[in-house]
Amino acid sequence: MGFHDIREVMEMRRAIEPMVAAAAATAVTGSLVTELEELLEQQVGASEHAEAVSAAALFHRRIAAAARNRRAEDALDRLFDETSRAHALLPPLSTYIAADSERAAHRDLLDAIRAADATTAERLMREHLTEAESAMIAAFYR
């Protein structure tokens, strides 16, 4: 996976995921909130990089599933797989997945979804993906 691949994957995620996060916020359920809370706890409590990446990926996948848009979810599945591969290929990303800013972004997304605030969920997802892309590009050049 190269620089151009990272840019393409994250560009596509930014095109789809903010809309998905907004849809998840409008369809929020107690079980969704509980699942997202548990995944965030798993990410924060992970002792290994792969475990944190898996929990973070599941967090995003669960939001996508909650949007109830099968085509968006299918498109994101491949993009999530490519993002996970980047984490495996770029060891410097281990500092990002454990960073306070990554965890705070997920907490803020969870809060917006819990509050059924679609506009905020959409904005926060876009900002989160932009920050993640920057971290991935920086890791590529380390």
N, C-alpha and C. Protein backbone atom coordinates (compact mmCIF):
# COMPACT_ATOMS: atom_id res chain seq x y z
N MET A 1 0.85 -1.17 0.00
CA MET A 1 0.00 0.00 0.00
C MET A 1 0.90 1.23 0.00
N GLY A 2 0.68 2.10 -0.96
CA GLY A 2 1.49 3.29 -1.08
C GLY A 2 0.74 4.56 -0.72
N PHE A 3 1.43 5.66 -0.85
CA PHE A 3 0.87 6.98 -0.55
C PHE A 3 -0.42 7.22 -1.32
N HIS A 4 -0.42 6.96 -2.62
CA HIS A 4 -1.60 7.20 -3.44
C HIS A 4 -2.77 6.32 -2.99
N ASP A 5 -2.49 5.09 -2.61
CA ASP A 5 -3.54 4.20 -2.13
C ASP A 5 -4.20 4.76 -0.87
N ILE A 6 -3.39 5.24 0.04
CA ILE A 6 -3.92 5.82 1.28
C ILE A 6 -4.83 7.00 0.96
N ARG A 7 -4.36 7.87 0.07
CA ARG A 7 -5.17 9.03 -0.30
C ARG A 7 -6.51 8.61 -0.90
N GLU A 8 -6.50 7.63 -1.80
CA GLU A 8 -7.74 7.17 -2.43
C GLU A 8 -8.69 6.55 -1.41
N VAL A 9 -8.17 5.69 -0.57
CA VAL A 9 -9.02 5.02 0.43
C VAL A 9 -9.66 6.06 1.35
N MET A 10 -8.86 6.97 1.85
CA MET A 10 -9.40 7.95 2.79
C MET A 10 -10.34 8.94 2.09
N GLU A 11 -10.07 9.26 0.85
CA GLU A 11 -10.98 10.12 0.10
C GLU A 11 -12.36 9.46 -0.04
N MET A 12 -12.35 8.17 -0.34
CA MET A 12 -13.61 7.43 -0.48
C MET A 12 -14.32 7.31 0.87
N ARG A 13 -13.56 7.06 1.91
CA ARG A 13 -14.18 6.98 3.23
C ARG A 13 -14.82 8.31 3.61
N ARG A 14 -14.13 9.42 3.30
CA ARG A 14 -14.71 10.75 3.61
C ARG A 14 -15.95 11.02 2.78
N ALA A 15 -16.05 10.41 1.61
CA ALA A 15 -17.23 10.61 0.77
C ALA A 15 -18.44 9.84 1.31
N ILE A 16 -18.19 8.73 1.99
CA ILE A 16 -19.29 7.86 2.42
C ILE A 16 -19.56 7.92 3.92
N GLU A 17 -18.53 7.84 4.72
CA GLU A 17 -18.71 7.66 6.16
C GLU A 17 -19.40 8.81 6.90
N PRO A 18 -19.17 10.06 6.55
CA PRO A 18 -19.92 11.10 7.25
C PRO A 18 -21.44 10.95 7.07
N MET A 19 -21.87 10.61 5.87
CA MET A 19 -23.29 10.38 5.61
C MET A 19 -23.79 9.19 6.43
N VAL A 20 -22.98 8.15 6.52
CA VAL A 20 -23.34 6.96 7.28
C VAL A 20 -23.45 7.29 8.77
N ALA A 21 -22.53 8.09 9.28
CA ALA A 21 -22.58 8.48 10.70
C ALA A 21 -23.84 9.28 10.99
N ALA A 22 -24.22 10.17 10.08
CA ALA A 22 -25.45 10.94 10.25
C ALA A 22 -26.66 10.01 10.27
N ALA A 23 -26.68 9.05 9.36
CA ALA A 23 -27.80 8.11 9.31
C ALA A 23 -27.86 7.25 10.57
N ALA A 24 -26.71 6.85 11.08
CA ALA A 24 -26.67 6.07 12.32
C ALA A 24 -27.23 6.88 13.48
N ALA A 25 -26.92 8.17 13.51
CA ALA A 25 -27.43 9.03 14.58
C ALA A 25 -28.95 9.16 14.51
N THR A 26 -29.50 9.17 13.32
CA THR A 26 -30.96 9.29 13.20
C THR A 26 -31.66 7.97 13.52
N ALA A 27 -30.93 6.86 13.48
CA ALA A 27 -31.51 5.55 13.75
C ALA A 27 -30.96 4.95 15.05
N VAL A 28 -30.47 5.80 15.95
CA VAL A 28 -29.80 5.34 17.16
C VAL A 28 -30.74 4.49 18.02
N THR A 29 -30.14 3.43 18.59
CA THR A 29 -30.85 2.57 19.54
C THR A 29 -29.95 2.40 20.77
N GLY A 30 -30.54 1.95 21.82
CA GLY A 30 -29.76 1.68 23.03
C GLY A 30 -28.71 0.62 22.80
N SER A 31 -29.04 -0.39 22.00
CA SER A 31 -28.06 -1.46 21.75
C SER A 31 -26.89 -0.94 20.92
N LEU A 32 -27.15 -0.03 19.99
CA LEU A 32 -26.05 0.56 19.21
C LEU A 32 -25.11 1.31 20.14
N VAL A 33 -25.65 2.13 21.01
CA VAL A 33 -24.83 2.90 21.94
C VAL A 33 -24.01 1.96 22.83
N THR A 34 -24.64 0.91 23.33
CA THR A 34 -23.94 -0.05 24.18
C THR A 34 -22.80 -0.72 23.42
N GLU A 35 -23.06 -1.15 22.18
CA GLU A 35 -22.01 -1.79 21.37
C GLU A 35 -20.85 -0.84 21.11
N LEU A 36 -21.16 0.42 20.77
CA LEU A 36 -20.10 1.39 20.50
C LEU A 36 -19.29 1.68 21.76
N GLU A 37 -19.97 1.77 22.91
CA GLU A 37 -19.26 1.98 24.17
C GLU A 37 -18.30 0.82 24.44
N GLU A 38 -18.77 -0.41 24.23
CA GLU A 38 -17.93 -1.58 24.47
C GLU A 38 -16.72 -1.61 23.52
N LEU A 39 -16.95 -1.27 22.27
CA LEU A 39 -15.84 -1.25 21.30
C LEU A 39 -14.82 -0.18 21.65
N LEU A 40 -15.29 0.97 22.09
CA LEU A 40 -14.38 2.03 22.50
C LEU A 40 -13.57 1.58 23.72
N GLU A 41 -14.22 0.92 24.67
CA GLU A 41 -13.50 0.40 25.84
C GLU A 41 -12.44 -0.62 25.41
N GLN A 42 -12.78 -1.47 24.44
CA GLN A 42 -11.81 -2.44 23.94
C GLN A 42 -10.62 -1.75 23.30
N GLN A 43 -10.89 -0.70 22.52
CA GLN A 43 -9.81 0.03 21.88
C GLN A 43 -8.90 0.68 22.92
N VAL A 44 -9.51 1.33 23.89
CA VAL A 44 -8.74 2.03 24.92
C VAL A 44 -7.96 1.04 25.78
N GLY A 45 -8.56 -0.10 26.07
CA GLY A 45 -7.93 -1.08 26.95
C GLY A 45 -7.01 -2.07 26.25
N ALA A 46 -6.88 -1.95 24.95
CA ALA A 46 -6.07 -2.92 24.19
C ALA A 46 -4.61 -2.86 24.60
N SER A 47 -4.02 -4.02 24.75
CA SER A 47 -2.61 -4.07 25.10
C SER A 47 -1.72 -4.25 23.87
N GLU A 48 -2.33 -4.61 22.76
CA GLU A 48 -1.58 -4.80 21.52
C GLU A 48 -2.18 -3.94 20.40
N HIS A 49 -1.30 -3.54 19.50
CA HIS A 49 -1.71 -2.69 18.37
C HIS A 49 -2.82 -3.34 17.55
N ALA A 50 -2.67 -4.61 17.22
CA ALA A 50 -3.68 -5.29 16.39
C ALA A 50 -5.04 -5.33 17.07
N GLU A 51 -5.05 -5.47 18.37
CA GLU A 51 -6.30 -5.49 19.12
C GLU A 51 -6.98 -4.12 19.07
N ALA A 52 -6.21 -3.06 19.21
CA ALA A 52 -6.76 -1.70 19.15
C ALA A 52 -7.29 -1.39 17.76
N VAL A 53 -6.55 -1.80 16.73
CA VAL A 53 -6.98 -1.58 15.35
C VAL A 53 -8.28 -2.33 15.09
N SER A 54 -8.37 -3.56 15.56
CA SER A 54 -9.58 -4.35 15.37
C SER A 54 -10.79 -3.69 16.03
N ALA A 55 -10.63 -3.24 17.27
CA ALA A 55 -11.73 -2.59 17.98
C ALA A 55 -12.15 -1.30 17.28
N ALA A 56 -11.17 -0.52 16.82
CA ALA A 56 -11.48 0.73 16.11
C ALA A 56 -12.20 0.44 14.80
N ALA A 57 -11.75 -0.58 14.09
CA ALA A 57 -12.40 -0.94 12.82
C ALA A 57 -13.83 -1.41 13.07
N LEU A 58 -14.03 -2.20 14.12
CA LEU A 58 -15.38 -2.66 14.44
C LEU A 58 -16.28 -1.50 14.84
N PHE A 59 -15.72 -0.51 15.50
CA PHE A 59 -16.46 0.70 15.87
C PHE A 59 -17.02 1.35 14.60
N HIS A 60 -16.16 1.52 13.60
CA HIS A 60 -16.59 2.12 12.33
C HIS A 60 -17.57 1.22 11.58
N ARG A 61 -17.32 -0.08 11.60
CA ARG A 61 -18.22 -1.02 10.91
C ARG A 61 -19.60 -1.03 11.54
N ARG A 62 -19.65 -0.93 12.86
CA ARG A 62 -20.95 -0.95 13.55
C ARG A 62 -21.75 0.31 13.21
N ILE A 63 -21.07 1.44 13.11
CA ILE A 63 -21.75 2.67 12.69
C ILE A 63 -22.29 2.50 11.28
N ALA A 64 -21.49 1.93 10.40
CA ALA A 64 -21.93 1.71 9.02
C ALA A 64 -23.15 0.80 8.97
N ALA A 65 -23.14 -0.26 9.76
CA ALA A 65 -24.28 -1.19 9.77
C ALA A 65 -25.54 -0.51 10.29
N ALA A 66 -25.37 0.38 11.27
CA ALA A 66 -26.52 1.06 11.86
C ALA A 66 -27.21 2.01 10.88
N ALA A 67 -26.50 2.42 9.85
CA ALA A 67 -27.08 3.34 8.86
C ALA A 67 -28.12 2.66 7.98
N ARG A 68 -28.07 1.33 7.95
CA ARG A 68 -29.02 0.54 7.17
C ARG A 68 -29.00 0.88 5.69
N ASN A 69 -27.79 1.06 5.19
CA ASN A 69 -27.58 1.29 3.77
C ASN A 69 -26.58 0.23 3.32
N ARG A 70 -27.11 -0.85 2.80
CA ARG A 70 -26.27 -2.01 2.48
C ARG A 70 -25.19 -1.67 1.45
N ARG A 71 -25.49 -0.85 0.49
CA ARG A 71 -24.49 -0.51 -0.52
C ARG A 71 -23.34 0.30 0.08
N ALA A 72 -23.67 1.24 0.95
CA ALA A 72 -22.62 2.02 1.62
C ALA A 72 -21.80 1.10 2.51
N GLU A 73 -22.47 0.21 3.23
CA GLU A 73 -21.76 -0.72 4.10
C GLU A 73 -20.83 -1.64 3.29
N ASP A 74 -21.30 -2.13 2.16
CA ASP A 74 -20.47 -2.99 1.31
C ASP A 74 -19.24 -2.23 0.80
N ALA A 75 -19.44 -1.00 0.35
CA ALA A 75 -18.32 -0.20 -0.14
C ALA A 75 -17.32 0.06 0.98
N LEU A 76 -17.83 0.35 2.17
CA LEU A 76 -16.94 0.64 3.29
C LEU A 76 -16.20 -0.60 3.76
N ASP A 77 -16.80 -1.77 3.65
CA ASP A 77 -16.12 -2.99 4.09
C ASP A 77 -14.75 -3.11 3.43
N ARG A 78 -14.69 -2.92 2.14
CA ARG A 78 -13.41 -3.02 1.43
C ARG A 78 -12.45 -1.91 1.88
N LEU A 79 -12.98 -0.71 2.05
CA LEU A 79 -12.13 0.40 2.49
C LEU A 79 -11.61 0.18 3.90
N PHE A 80 -12.45 -0.37 4.78
CA PHE A 80 -12.00 -0.69 6.14
C PHE A 80 -10.89 -1.73 6.11
N ASP A 81 -11.05 -2.74 5.24
CA ASP A 81 -10.01 -3.77 5.11
C ASP A 81 -8.69 -3.15 4.66
N GLU A 82 -8.76 -2.22 3.72
CA GLU A 82 -7.54 -1.58 3.24
C GLU A 82 -6.92 -0.70 4.32
N THR A 83 -7.74 -0.06 5.12
CA THR A 83 -7.22 0.76 6.23
C THR A 83 -6.54 -0.13 7.26
N SER A 84 -7.14 -1.26 7.58
CA SER A 84 -6.53 -2.20 8.52
C SER A 84 -5.20 -2.72 7.98
N ARG A 85 -5.14 -2.96 6.68
CA ARG A 85 -3.89 -3.41 6.07
C ARG A 85 -2.82 -2.33 6.21
N ALA A 86 -3.20 -1.07 6.05
CA ALA A 86 -2.23 0.02 6.22
C ALA A 86 -1.67 0.01 7.63
N HIS A 87 -2.52 -0.25 8.62
CA HIS A 87 -2.03 -0.32 10.01
C HIS A 87 -1.03 -1.45 10.18
N ALA A 88 -1.27 -2.56 9.49
CA ALA A 88 -0.34 -3.69 9.58
C ALA A 88 0.98 -3.40 8.88
N LEU A 89 0.92 -2.64 7.79
CA LEU A 89 2.12 -2.37 7.00
C LEU A 89 2.92 -1.16 7.48
N LEU A 90 2.29 -0.31 8.27
CA LEU A 90 2.94 0.92 8.72
C LEU A 90 3.01 0.94 10.25
N PRO A 91 4.02 0.31 10.81
CA PRO A 91 4.14 0.23 12.28
C PRO A 91 4.04 1.58 13.01
N PRO A 92 4.49 2.70 12.42
CA PRO A 92 4.35 3.96 13.16
C PRO A 92 2.89 4.34 13.46
N LEU A 93 1.93 3.70 12.79
CA LEU A 93 0.53 4.00 13.08
C LEU A 93 0.10 3.51 14.45
N SER A 94 0.92 2.68 15.08
CA SER A 94 0.56 2.19 16.41
C SER A 94 0.44 3.35 17.40
N THR A 95 1.22 4.40 17.20
CA THR A 95 1.10 5.55 18.10
C THR A 95 -0.20 6.31 17.85
N TYR A 96 -0.68 6.32 16.61
CA TYR A 96 -1.93 7.03 16.31
C TYR A 96 -3.13 6.31 16.91
N ILE A 97 -3.21 5.01 16.74
CA ILE A 97 -4.38 4.28 17.20
C ILE A 97 -4.52 4.35 18.72
N ALA A 98 -3.40 4.58 19.42
CA ALA A 98 -3.42 4.70 20.87
C ALA A 98 -3.43 6.15 21.34
N ALA A 99 -3.45 7.08 20.40
CA ALA A 99 -3.38 8.51 20.75
C ALA A 99 -4.69 9.00 21.37
N ASP A 100 -4.55 9.97 22.24
CA ASP A 100 -5.72 10.58 22.87
C ASP A 100 -6.66 11.17 21.83
N SER A 101 -6.11 11.75 20.76
CA SER A 101 -6.96 12.38 19.74
C SER A 101 -7.82 11.35 19.01
N GLU A 102 -7.27 10.16 18.75
CA GLU A 102 -8.05 9.08 18.11
C GLU A 102 -9.17 8.63 19.02
N ARG A 103 -8.85 8.40 20.26
CA ARG A 103 -9.86 7.96 21.23
C ARG A 103 -10.92 9.03 21.46
N ALA A 104 -10.48 10.28 21.54
CA ALA A 104 -11.42 11.39 21.74
C ALA A 104 -12.36 11.52 20.54
N ALA A 105 -11.85 11.31 19.35
CA ALA A 105 -12.70 11.37 18.16
C ALA A 105 -13.79 10.31 18.22
N HIS A 106 -13.44 9.12 18.66
CA HIS A 106 -14.44 8.06 18.79
C HIS A 106 -15.43 8.37 19.91
N ARG A 107 -14.94 8.92 21.02
CA ARG A 107 -15.84 9.31 22.11
C ARG A 107 -16.82 10.38 21.65
N ASP A 108 -16.31 11.37 20.93
CA ASP A 108 -17.16 12.45 20.45
C ASP A 108 -18.20 11.94 19.45
N LEU A 109 -17.78 11.04 18.57
CA LEU A 109 -18.73 10.42 17.63
C LEU A 109 -19.81 9.66 18.38
N LEU A 110 -19.41 8.89 19.36
CA LEU A 110 -20.35 8.14 20.19
C LEU A 110 -21.34 9.10 20.85
N ASP A 111 -20.85 10.19 21.40
CA ASP A 111 -21.73 11.17 22.06
C ASP A 111 -22.73 11.77 21.08
N ALA A 112 -22.28 12.10 19.87
CA ALA A 112 -23.18 12.68 18.87
C ALA A 112 -24.24 11.66 18.44
N ILE A 113 -23.83 10.42 18.27
CA ILE A 113 -24.79 9.38 17.89
C ILE A 113 -25.77 9.14 19.03
N ARG A 114 -25.26 9.06 20.25
CA ARG A 114 -26.12 8.88 21.42
C ARG A 114 -27.18 10.00 21.50
N ALA A 115 -26.77 11.21 21.18
CA ALA A 115 -27.67 12.36 21.23
C ALA A 115 -28.57 12.48 20.00
N ALA A 116 -28.42 11.55 19.07
CA ALA A 116 -29.17 11.57 17.81
C ALA A 116 -28.93 12.87 17.04
N ASP A 117 -27.70 13.36 17.12
CA ASP A 117 -27.31 14.62 16.47
C ASP A 117 -26.60 14.29 15.15
N ALA A 118 -27.39 14.17 14.11
CA ALA A 118 -26.87 13.76 12.81
C ALA A 118 -25.87 14.76 12.24
N THR A 119 -26.14 16.03 12.39
CA THR A 119 -25.26 17.06 11.84
C THR A 119 -23.88 17.00 12.49
N THR A 120 -23.85 16.87 13.80
CA THR A 120 -22.57 16.79 14.51
C THR A 120 -21.86 15.49 14.19
N ALA A 121 -22.59 14.38 14.14
CA ALA A 121 -21.97 13.09 13.81
C ALA A 121 -21.32 13.15 12.43
N GLU A 122 -21.99 13.76 11.49
CA GLU A 122 -21.44 13.88 10.14
C GLU A 122 -20.15 14.71 10.14
N ARG A 123 -20.19 15.85 10.81
CA ARG A 123 -19.02 16.73 10.87
C ARG A 123 -17.86 16.06 11.59
N LEU A 124 -18.15 15.42 12.70
CA LEU A 124 -17.09 14.77 13.48
C LEU A 124 -16.44 13.62 12.71
N MET A 125 -17.25 12.87 11.98
CA MET A 125 -16.68 11.77 11.20
C MET A 125 -15.75 12.32 10.12
N ARG A 126 -16.16 13.38 9.46
CA ARG A 126 -15.31 13.98 8.42
C ARG A 126 -13.98 14.45 9.02
N GLU A 127 -14.05 15.13 10.16
CA GLU A 127 -12.84 15.62 10.82
C GLU A 127 -11.95 14.45 11.27
N HIS A 128 -12.57 13.42 11.81
CA HIS A 128 -11.82 12.25 12.27
C HIS A 128 -11.08 11.58 11.11
N LEU A 129 -11.75 11.43 10.00
CA LEU A 129 -11.12 10.79 8.84
C LEU A 129 -9.99 11.64 8.26
N THR A 130 -10.15 12.94 8.30
CA THR A 130 -9.09 13.83 7.82
C THR A 130 -7.86 13.70 8.72
N GLU A 131 -8.08 13.65 10.03
CA GLU A 131 -6.96 13.48 10.96
C GLU A 131 -6.30 12.11 10.77
N ALA A 132 -7.11 11.07 10.58
CA ALA A 132 -6.57 9.72 10.38
C ALA A 132 -5.73 9.66 9.11
N GLU A 133 -6.20 10.31 8.06
CA GLU A 133 -5.43 10.34 6.81
C GLU A 133 -4.08 11.02 7.03
N SER A 134 -4.08 12.12 7.73
CA SER A 134 -2.81 12.82 8.01
C SER A 134 -1.85 11.92 8.77
N ALA A 135 -2.38 11.18 9.76
CA ALA A 135 -1.53 10.28 10.53
C ALA A 135 -0.99 9.16 9.65
N MET A 136 -1.80 8.65 8.75
CA MET A 136 -1.37 7.57 7.87
C MET A 136 -0.28 8.05 6.91
N ILE A 137 -0.46 9.23 6.38
CA ILE A 137 0.53 9.78 5.46
C ILE A 137 1.84 10.05 6.18
N ALA A 138 1.74 10.60 7.40
CA ALA A 138 2.96 10.84 8.19
C ALA A 138 3.68 9.53 8.49
N ALA A 139 2.92 8.48 8.82
CA ALA A 139 3.52 7.18 9.11
C ALA A 139 4.18 6.59 7.88
N PHE A 140 3.62 6.86 6.72
CA PHE A 140 4.17 6.34 5.47
C PHE A 140 5.58 6.88 5.25
N TYR A 141 5.82 8.11 5.66
CA TYR A 141 7.12 8.74 5.41
C TYR A 141 8.11 8.59 6.56
N ARG A 142 7.75 7.86 7.61
CA ARG A 142 8.69 7.64 8.72
C ARG A 142 9.58 6.48 8.42
